[in-house]
Structure formats: C-alpha cells, structure tokens
Amino acid sequence: MATSIKQKLHDLIEKIDNESLLSQVYELIYKKNTSNEGDLWNKLTPDQQNEVLLSLEESNDPNNLISHEDVKRNHKKWL
C-alpha cells in the first residue's frame, strides 16, 4: 500500500516545475517526518495550552459552532 502512495507522490512531484511549491512540499514532509508527537503542544505556553483546551471544550457545544454553509457564505471572497 505505501509503495503505491509513494509512487503516486513521486509521479506527481516529477510533474511539478514550480521550485517554490516543491520547496514548500519538501519542508512540510521534512518537518512531519522529523517531528515527534507532542512537539507542537510542548512548545506552547501553559496559557496557550489552556486556550486550546478551552476551545476544544467549547467546540463540543453545538451552539458555539458555525455551519459550513455559513462559513462559505461569510468568507466567499477568499474561497
């Protein structure tokens, strides 16, 4: 399975001539491949961690959520 995905990725990369895009893809894959689980969380301050946890808790209340349709409508010019 991984071989098929790797081949598709290789094929796609071979078709890209945009060096900036290739650099961005490389950085993304490199960082994902070399980072350890929890690295990002551990870089947050205790206040930032609390904000993330509070946001997660608030997201469990449907009254705090915005529908996908509303988001698309409100941000149409950026989509």
PDB file of N, CA and C in Angstrom:
ATOM      1  N   MET A   1       0.831  -1.202   0.000  1.00  0.00           N
ATOM      2  CA  MET A   1       0.000   0.000   0.000  1.00  0.00           C
ATOM      3  C   MET A   1       0.868   1.256   0.000  1.00  0.00           C
ATOM      4  N   ALA A   2       1.824   1.339   0.915  1.00  0.00           N
ATOM      5  CA  ALA A   2       2.682   2.524   0.982  1.00  0.00           C
ATOM      6  C   ALA A   2       3.457   2.703  -0.315  1.00  0.00           C
ATOM      7  N   THR A   3       3.821   1.607  -0.949  1.00  0.00           N
ATOM      8  CA  THR A   3       4.564   1.697  -2.201  1.00  0.00           C
ATOM      9  C   THR A   3       3.735   2.407  -3.264  1.00  0.00           C
ATOM     10  N   SER A   4       2.466   2.105  -3.337  1.00  0.00           N
ATOM     11  CA  SER A   4       1.580   2.749  -4.307  1.00  0.00           C
ATOM     12  C   SER A   4       1.482   4.246  -4.040  1.00  0.00           C
ATOM     13  N   ILE A   5       1.345   4.629  -2.800  1.00  0.00           N
ATOM     14  CA  ILE A   5       1.256   6.040  -2.432  1.00  0.00           C
ATOM     15  C   ILE A   5       2.579   6.736  -2.732  1.00  0.00           C
ATOM     16  N   LYS A   6       3.681   6.082  -2.402  1.00  0.00           N
ATOM     17  CA  LYS A   6       4.991   6.662  -2.693  1.00  0.00           C
ATOM     18  C   LYS A   6       5.161   6.883  -4.191  1.00  0.00           C
ATOM     19  N   GLN A   7       4.739   5.917  -4.985  1.00  0.00           N
ATOM     20  CA  GLN A   7       4.878   6.044  -6.434  1.00  0.00           C
ATOM     21  C   GLN A   7       4.015   7.187  -6.955  1.00  0.00           C
ATOM     22  N   LYS A   8       2.808   7.313  -6.443  1.00  0.00           N
ATOM     23  CA  LYS A   8       1.936   8.411  -6.857  1.00  0.00           C
ATOM     24  C   LYS A   8       2.551   9.756  -6.485  1.00  0.00           C
ATOM     25  N   LEU A   9       3.151   9.827  -5.308  1.00  0.00           N
ATOM     26  CA  LEU A   9       3.801  11.059  -4.871  1.00  0.00           C
ATOM     27  C   LEU A   9       4.997  11.380  -5.760  1.00  0.00           C
ATOM     28  N   HIS A  10       5.805  10.366  -6.056  1.00  0.00           N
ATOM     29  CA  HIS A  10       6.947  10.559  -6.956  1.00  0.00           C
ATOM     30  C   HIS A  10       6.477  11.058  -8.321  1.00  0.00           C
ATOM     31  N   ASP A  11       5.434  10.421  -8.847  1.00  0.00           N
ATOM     32  CA  ASP A  11       4.919  10.807 -10.162  1.00  0.00           C
ATOM     33  C   ASP A  11       4.432  12.250 -10.160  1.00  0.00           C
ATOM     34  N   LEU A  12       3.725  12.627  -9.108  1.00  0.00           N
ATOM     35  CA  LEU A  12       3.201  13.985  -9.009  1.00  0.00           C
ATOM     36  C   LEU A  12       4.339  15.003  -8.907  1.00  0.00           C
ATOM     37  N   ILE A  13       5.314  14.712  -8.083  1.00  0.00           N
ATOM     38  CA  ILE A  13       6.449  15.624  -7.899  1.00  0.00           C
ATOM     39  C   ILE A  13       7.219  15.797  -9.206  1.00  0.00           C
ATOM     40  N   GLU A  14       7.351  14.727  -9.963  1.00  0.00           N
ATOM     41  CA  GLU A  14       8.054  14.807 -11.247  1.00  0.00           C
ATOM     42  C   GLU A  14       7.380  15.777 -12.213  1.00  0.00           C
ATOM     43  N   LYS A  15       6.087  15.977 -12.074  1.00  0.00           N
ATOM     44  CA  LYS A  15       5.339  16.846 -12.978  1.00  0.00           C
ATOM     45  C   LYS A  15       5.391  18.321 -12.567  1.00  0.00           C
ATOM     46  N   ILE A  16       5.861  18.603 -11.348  1.00  0.00           N
ATOM     47  CA  ILE A  16       5.864  19.975 -10.835  1.00  0.00           C
ATOM     48  C   ILE A  16       7.154  20.682 -11.238  1.00  0.00           C
ATOM     49  N   ASP A  17       7.004  21.848 -11.878  1.00  0.00           N
ATOM     50  CA  ASP A  17       8.166  22.655 -12.281  1.00  0.00           C
ATOM     51  C   ASP A  17       8.342  23.885 -11.393  1.00  0.00           C
ATOM     52  N   ASN A  18       7.416  24.107 -10.499  1.00  0.00           N
ATOM     53  CA  ASN A  18       7.439  25.286  -9.633  1.00  0.00           C
ATOM     54  C   ASN A  18       8.360  25.018  -8.437  1.00  0.00           C
ATOM     55  N   GLU A  19       9.528  25.649  -8.433  1.00  0.00           N
ATOM     56  CA  GLU A  19      10.516  25.390  -7.378  1.00  0.00           C
ATOM     57  C   GLU A  19      10.016  25.826  -5.999  1.00  0.00           C
ATOM     58  N   SER A  20       9.269  26.901  -5.952  1.00  0.00           N
ATOM     59  CA  SER A  20       8.720  27.375  -4.685  1.00  0.00           C
ATOM     60  C   SER A  20       7.757  26.347  -4.095  1.00  0.00           C
ATOM     61  N   LEU A  21       6.894  25.809  -4.939  1.00  0.00           N
ATOM     62  CA  LEU A  21       5.950  24.787  -4.477  1.00  0.00           C
ATOM     63  C   LEU A  21       6.688  23.542  -4.020  1.00  0.00           C
ATOM     64  N   LEU A  22       7.679  23.130  -4.772  1.00  0.00           N
ATOM     65  CA  LEU A  22       8.466  21.955  -4.383  1.00  0.00           C
ATOM     66  C   LEU A  22       9.159  22.176  -3.038  1.00  0.00           C
ATOM     67  N   SER A  23       9.664  23.367  -2.835  1.00  0.00           N
ATOM     68  CA  SER A  23      10.319  23.700  -1.571  1.00  0.00           C
ATOM     69  C   SER A  23       9.328  23.616  -0.410  1.00  0.00           C
ATOM     70  N   GLN A  24       8.124  24.129  -0.627  1.00  0.00           N
ATOM     71  CA  GLN A  24       7.094  24.084   0.414  1.00  0.00           C
ATOM     72  C   GLN A  24       6.698  22.646   0.737  1.00  0.00           C
ATOM     73  N   VAL A  25       6.538  21.825  -0.296  1.00  0.00           N
ATOM     74  CA  VAL A  25       6.190  20.415  -0.094  1.00  0.00           C
ATOM     75  C   VAL A  25       7.309  19.717   0.667  1.00  0.00           C
ATOM     76  N   TYR A  26       8.547  19.993   0.267  1.00  0.00           N
ATOM     77  CA  TYR A  26       9.692  19.389   0.944  1.00  0.00           C
ATOM     78  C   TYR A  26       9.701  19.743   2.426  1.00  0.00           C
ATOM     79  N   GLU A  27       9.534  21.025   2.738  1.00  0.00           N
ATOM     80  CA  GLU A  27       9.545  21.476   4.138  1.00  0.00           C
ATOM     81  C   GLU A  27       8.439  20.804   4.941  1.00  0.00           C
ATOM     82  N   LEU A  28       7.260  20.708   4.348  1.00  0.00           N
ATOM     83  CA  LEU A  28       6.136  20.063   5.025  1.00  0.00           C
ATOM     84  C   LEU A  28       6.443  18.602   5.342  1.00  0.00           C
ATOM     85  N   ILE A  29       6.901  17.873   4.351  1.00  0.00           N
ATOM     86  CA  ILE A  29       7.204  16.453   4.549  1.00  0.00           C
ATOM     87  C   ILE A  29       8.377  16.286   5.506  1.00  0.00           C
ATOM     88  N   TYR A  30       9.392  17.123   5.364  1.00  0.00           N
ATOM     89  CA  TYR A  30      10.567  17.024   6.236  1.00  0.00           C
ATOM     90  C   TYR A  30      10.177  17.248   7.695  1.00  0.00           C
ATOM     91  N   LYS A  31       9.418  18.315   7.947  1.00  0.00           N
ATOM     92  CA  LYS A  31       9.019  18.615   9.324  1.00  0.00           C
ATOM     93  C   LYS A  31       8.138  17.518   9.900  1.00  0.00           C
ATOM     94  N   LYS A  32       7.221  17.014   9.103  1.00  0.00           N
ATOM     95  CA  LYS A  32       6.322  15.957   9.567  1.00  0.00           C
ATOM     96  C   LYS A  32       7.104  14.683   9.860  1.00  0.00           C
ATOM     97  N   ASN A  33       8.113  14.407   9.045  1.00  0.00           N
ATOM     98  CA  ASN A  33       8.896  13.183   9.199  1.00  0.00           C
ATOM     99  C   ASN A  33       9.882  13.253  10.362  1.00  0.00           C
ATOM    100  N   THR A  34      10.337  14.464  10.717  1.00  0.00           N
ATOM    101  CA  THR A  34      11.361  14.581  11.760  1.00  0.00           C
ATOM    102  C   THR A  34      10.809  15.023  13.112  1.00  0.00           C
ATOM    103  N   SER A  35       9.545  15.406  13.169  1.00  0.00           N
ATOM    104  CA  SER A  35       8.992  15.862  14.447  1.00  0.00           C
ATOM    105  C   SER A  35       8.456  14.679  15.250  1.00  0.00           C
ATOM    106  N   ASN A  36       8.462  14.853  16.539  1.00  0.00           N
ATOM    107  CA  ASN A  36       7.932  13.842  17.440  1.00  0.00           C
ATOM    108  C   ASN A  36       6.533  14.243  17.892  1.00  0.00           C
ATOM    109  N   GLU A  37       5.720  13.239  18.169  1.00  0.00           N
ATOM    110  CA  GLU A  37       4.373  13.527  18.635  1.00  0.00           C
ATOM    111  C   GLU A  37       4.448  14.353  19.910  1.00  0.00           C
ATOM    112  N   GLY A  38       3.692  15.435  19.953  1.00  0.00           N
ATOM    113  CA  GLY A  38       3.657  16.287  21.128  1.00  0.00           C
ATOM    114  C   GLY A  38       4.606  17.466  21.076  1.00  0.00           C
ATOM    115  N   ASP A  39       5.463  17.531  20.046  1.00  0.00           N
ATOM    116  CA  ASP A  39       6.420  18.639  19.947  1.00  0.00           C
ATOM    117  C   ASP A  39       5.715  19.989  19.918  1.00  0.00           C
ATOM    118  N   LEU A  40       4.695  20.112  19.084  1.00  0.00           N
ATOM    119  CA  LEU A  40       3.994  21.380  18.960  1.00  0.00           C
ATOM    120  C   LEU A  40       3.327  21.753  20.280  1.00  0.00           C
ATOM    121  N   TRP A  41       2.662  20.802  20.901  1.00  0.00           N
ATOM    122  CA  TRP A  41       1.990  21.047  22.183  1.00  0.00           C
ATOM    123  C   TRP A  41       2.987  21.520  23.229  1.00  0.00           C
ATOM    124  N   ASN A  42       4.127  20.882  23.268  1.00  0.00           N
ATOM    125  CA  ASN A  42       5.145  21.220  24.266  1.00  0.00           C
ATOM    126  C   ASN A  42       5.777  22.590  24.040  1.00  0.00           C
ATOM    127  N   LYS A  43       5.666  23.120  22.827  1.00  0.00           N
ATOM    128  CA  LYS A  43       6.195  24.453  22.538  1.00  0.00           C
ATOM    129  C   LYS A  43       5.237  25.555  22.986  1.00  0.00           C
ATOM    130  N   LEU A  44       3.985  25.193  23.259  1.00  0.00           N
ATOM    131  CA  LEU A  44       3.003  26.180  23.709  1.00  0.00           C
ATOM    132  C   LEU A  44       3.229  26.533  25.169  1.00  0.00           C
ATOM    133  N   THR A  45       2.930  27.773  25.512  1.00  0.00           N
ATOM    134  CA  THR A  45       2.984  28.180  26.918  1.00  0.00           C
ATOM    135  C   THR A  45       1.790  27.555  27.638  1.00  0.00           C
ATOM    136  N   PRO A  46       1.830  27.494  28.969  1.00  0.00           N
ATOM    137  CA  PRO A  46       0.666  26.970  29.696  1.00  0.00           C
ATOM    138  C   PRO A  46      -0.626  27.740  29.374  1.00  0.00           C
ATOM    139  N   ASP A  47      -0.531  29.049  29.188  1.00  0.00           N
ATOM    140  CA  ASP A  47      -1.722  29.826  28.820  1.00  0.00           C
ATOM    141  C   ASP A  47      -2.249  29.415  27.454  1.00  0.00           C
ATOM    142  N   GLN A  48      -1.356  29.206  26.513  1.00  0.00           N
ATOM    143  CA  GLN A  48      -1.774  28.785  25.171  1.00  0.00           C
ATOM    144  C   GLN A  48      -2.397  27.386  25.217  1.00  0.00           C
ATOM    145  N   GLN A  49      -1.813  26.494  26.002  1.00  0.00           N
ATOM    146  CA  GLN A  49      -2.370  25.154  26.135  1.00  0.00           C
ATOM    147  C   GLN A  49      -3.779  25.225  26.726  1.00  0.00           C
ATOM    148  N   ASN A  50      -3.963  26.075  27.726  1.00  0.00           N
ATOM    149  CA  ASN A  50      -5.292  26.232  28.330  1.00  0.00           C
ATOM    150  C   ASN A  50      -6.297  26.774  27.331  1.00  0.00           C
ATOM    151  N   GLU A  51      -5.876  27.708  26.483  1.00  0.00           N
ATOM    152  CA  GLU A  51      -6.758  28.263  25.451  1.00  0.00           C
ATOM    153  C   GLU A  51      -7.189  27.177  24.469  1.00  0.00           C
ATOM    154  N   VAL A  52      -6.257  26.326  24.071  1.00  0.00           N
ATOM    155  CA  VAL A  52      -6.579  25.233  23.150  1.00  0.00           C
ATOM    156  C   VAL A  52      -7.579  24.279  23.806  1.00  0.00           C
ATOM    157  N   LEU A  53      -7.329  23.924  25.056  1.00  0.00           N
ATOM    158  CA  LEU A  53      -8.240  23.015  25.758  1.00  0.00           C
ATOM    159  C   LEU A  53      -9.617  23.636  25.942  1.00  0.00           C
ATOM    160  N   LEU A  54      -9.667  24.929  26.243  1.00  0.00           N
ATOM    161  CA  LEU A  54     -10.944  25.626  26.380  1.00  0.00           C
ATOM    162  C   LEU A  54     -11.686  25.644  25.041  1.00  0.00           C
ATOM    163  N   SER A  55     -10.976  25.905  23.971  1.00  0.00           N
ATOM    164  CA  SER A  55     -11.584  25.907  22.641  1.00  0.00           C
ATOM    165  C   SER A  55     -12.150  24.539  22.293  1.00  0.00           C
ATOM    166  N   LEU A  56     -11.406  23.504  22.632  1.00  0.00           N
ATOM    167  CA  LEU A  56     -11.885  22.144  22.387  1.00  0.00           C
ATOM    168  C   LEU A  56     -13.166  21.884  23.164  1.00  0.00           C
ATOM    169  N   GLU A  57     -13.171  22.271  24.416  1.00  0.00           N
ATOM    170  CA  GLU A  57     -14.357  22.084  25.256  1.00  0.00           C
ATOM    171  C   GLU A  57     -15.552  22.858  24.683  1.00  0.00           C
ATOM    172  N   GLU A  58     -15.314  24.100  24.272  1.00  0.00           N
ATOM    173  CA  GLU A  58     -16.387  24.928  23.715  1.00  0.00           C
ATOM    174  C   GLU A  58     -16.903  24.364  22.394  1.00  0.00           C
ATOM    175  N   SER A  59     -16.046  23.690  21.650  1.00  0.00           N
ATOM    176  CA  SER A  59     -16.466  23.141  20.356  1.00  0.00           C
ATOM    177  C   SER A  59     -17.416  21.957  20.513  1.00  0.00           C
ATOM    178  N   ASN A  60     -17.505  21.408  21.700  1.00  0.00           N
ATOM    179  CA  ASN A  60     -18.430  20.304  21.942  1.00  0.00           C
ATOM    180  C   ASN A  60     -19.866  20.780  22.110  1.00  0.00           C
ATOM    181  N   ASP A  61     -20.064  22.080  22.247  1.00  0.00           N
ATOM    182  CA  ASP A  61     -21.404  22.652  22.374  1.00  0.00           C
ATOM    183  C   ASP A  61     -21.861  23.105  20.988  1.00  0.00           C
ATOM    184  N   PRO A  62     -22.887  22.473  20.427  1.00  0.00           N
ATOM    185  CA  PRO A  62     -23.351  22.840  19.082  1.00  0.00           C
ATOM    186  C   PRO A  62     -23.736  24.312  18.945  1.00  0.00           C
ATOM    187  N   ASN A  63     -24.111  24.967  20.037  1.00  0.00           N
ATOM    188  CA  ASN A  63     -24.473  26.381  19.977  1.00  0.00           C
ATOM    189  C   ASN A  63     -23.276  27.274  19.656  1.00  0.00           C
ATOM    190  N   ASN A  64     -22.072  26.763  19.855  1.00  0.00           N
ATOM    191  CA  ASN A  64     -20.865  27.540  19.588  1.00  0.00           C
ATOM    192  C   ASN A  64     -20.322  27.317  18.179  1.00  0.00           C
ATOM    193  N   LEU A  65     -20.960  26.455  17.417  1.00  0.00           N
ATOM    194  CA  LEU A  65     -20.439  26.099  16.102  1.00  0.00           C
ATOM    195  C   LEU A  65     -21.130  26.889  14.997  1.00  0.00           C
ATOM    196  N   ILE A  66     -20.422  27.036  13.888  1.00  0.00           N
ATOM    197  CA  ILE A  66     -20.943  27.710  12.705  1.00  0.00           C
ATOM    198  C   ILE A  66     -20.995  26.675  11.592  1.00  0.00           C
ATOM    199  N   SER A  67     -22.089  26.642  10.866  1.00  0.00           N
ATOM    200  CA  SER A  67     -22.226  25.655   9.798  1.00  0.00           C
ATOM    201  C   SER A  67     -21.235  25.936   8.675  1.00  0.00           C
ATOM    202  N   HIS A  68     -20.920  24.899   7.960  1.00  0.00           N
ATOM    203  CA  HIS A  68     -20.009  25.017   6.829  1.00  0.00           C
ATOM    204  C   HIS A  68     -20.572  25.980   5.789  1.00  0.00           C
ATOM    205  N   GLU A  69     -21.861  25.919   5.572  1.00  0.00           N
ATOM    206  CA  GLU A  69     -22.509  26.816   4.609  1.00  0.00           C
ATOM    207  C   GLU A  69     -22.361  28.281   5.032  1.00  0.00           C
ATOM    208  N   ASP A  70     -22.532  28.568   6.328  1.00  0.00           N
ATOM    209  CA  ASP A  70     -22.376  29.936   6.826  1.00  0.00           C
ATOM    210  C   ASP A  70     -20.943  30.432   6.655  1.00  0.00           C
ATOM    211  N   VAL A  71     -19.994  29.577   6.923  1.00  0.00           N
ATOM    212  CA  VAL A  71     -18.588  29.961   6.769  1.00  0.00           C
ATOM    213  C   VAL A  71     -18.295  30.275   5.305  1.00  0.00           C
ATOM    214  N   LYS A  72     -18.762  29.409   4.402  1.00  0.00           N
ATOM    215  CA  LYS A  72     -18.538  29.648   2.976  1.00  0.00           C
ATOM    216  C   LYS A  72     -19.189  30.957   2.539  1.00  0.00           C
ATOM    217  N   ARG A  73     -20.408  31.209   3.001  1.00  0.00           N
ATOM    218  CA  ARG A  73     -21.112  32.418   2.628  1.00  0.00           C
ATOM    219  C   ARG A  73     -20.399  33.675   3.172  1.00  0.00           C
ATOM    220  N   ASN A  74     -19.959  33.613   4.414  1.00  0.00           N
ATOM    221  CA  ASN A  74     -19.311  34.769   5.045  1.00  0.00           C
ATOM    222  C   ASN A  74     -17.904  35.041   4.518  1.00  0.00           C
ATOM    223  N   HIS A  75     -17.271  34.024   3.963  1.00  0.00           N
ATOM    224  CA  HIS A  75     -15.885  34.185   3.505  1.00  0.00           C
ATOM    225  C   HIS A  75     -15.758  33.883   2.019  1.00  0.00           C
ATOM    226  N   LYS A  76     -16.834  34.126   1.304  1.00  0.00           N
ATOM    227  CA  LYS A  76     -16.893  33.800  -0.118  1.00  0.00           C
ATOM    228  C   LYS A  76     -15.757  34.427  -0.921  1.00  0.00           C
ATOM    229  N   LYS A  77     -15.391  35.651  -0.591  1.00  0.00           N
ATOM    230  CA  LYS A  77     -14.353  36.325  -1.386  1.00  0.00           C
ATOM    231  C   LYS A  77     -12.977  35.667  -1.238  1.00  0.00           C
ATOM    232  N   TRP A  78     -12.766  34.884  -0.202  1.00  0.00           N
ATOM    233  CA  TRP A  78     -11.472  34.211  -0.018  1.00  0.00           C
ATOM    234  C   TRP A  78     -11.486  32.768  -0.506  1.00  0.00           C
ATOM    235  N   LEU A  79     -12.643  32.287  -0.878  1.00  0.00           N
ATOM    236  CA  LEU A  79     -12.738  30.887  -1.318  1.00  0.00           C
ATOM    237  C   LEU A  79     -12.708  30.767  -2.820  1.00  0.00           C
TER     238      LEU A  79
END
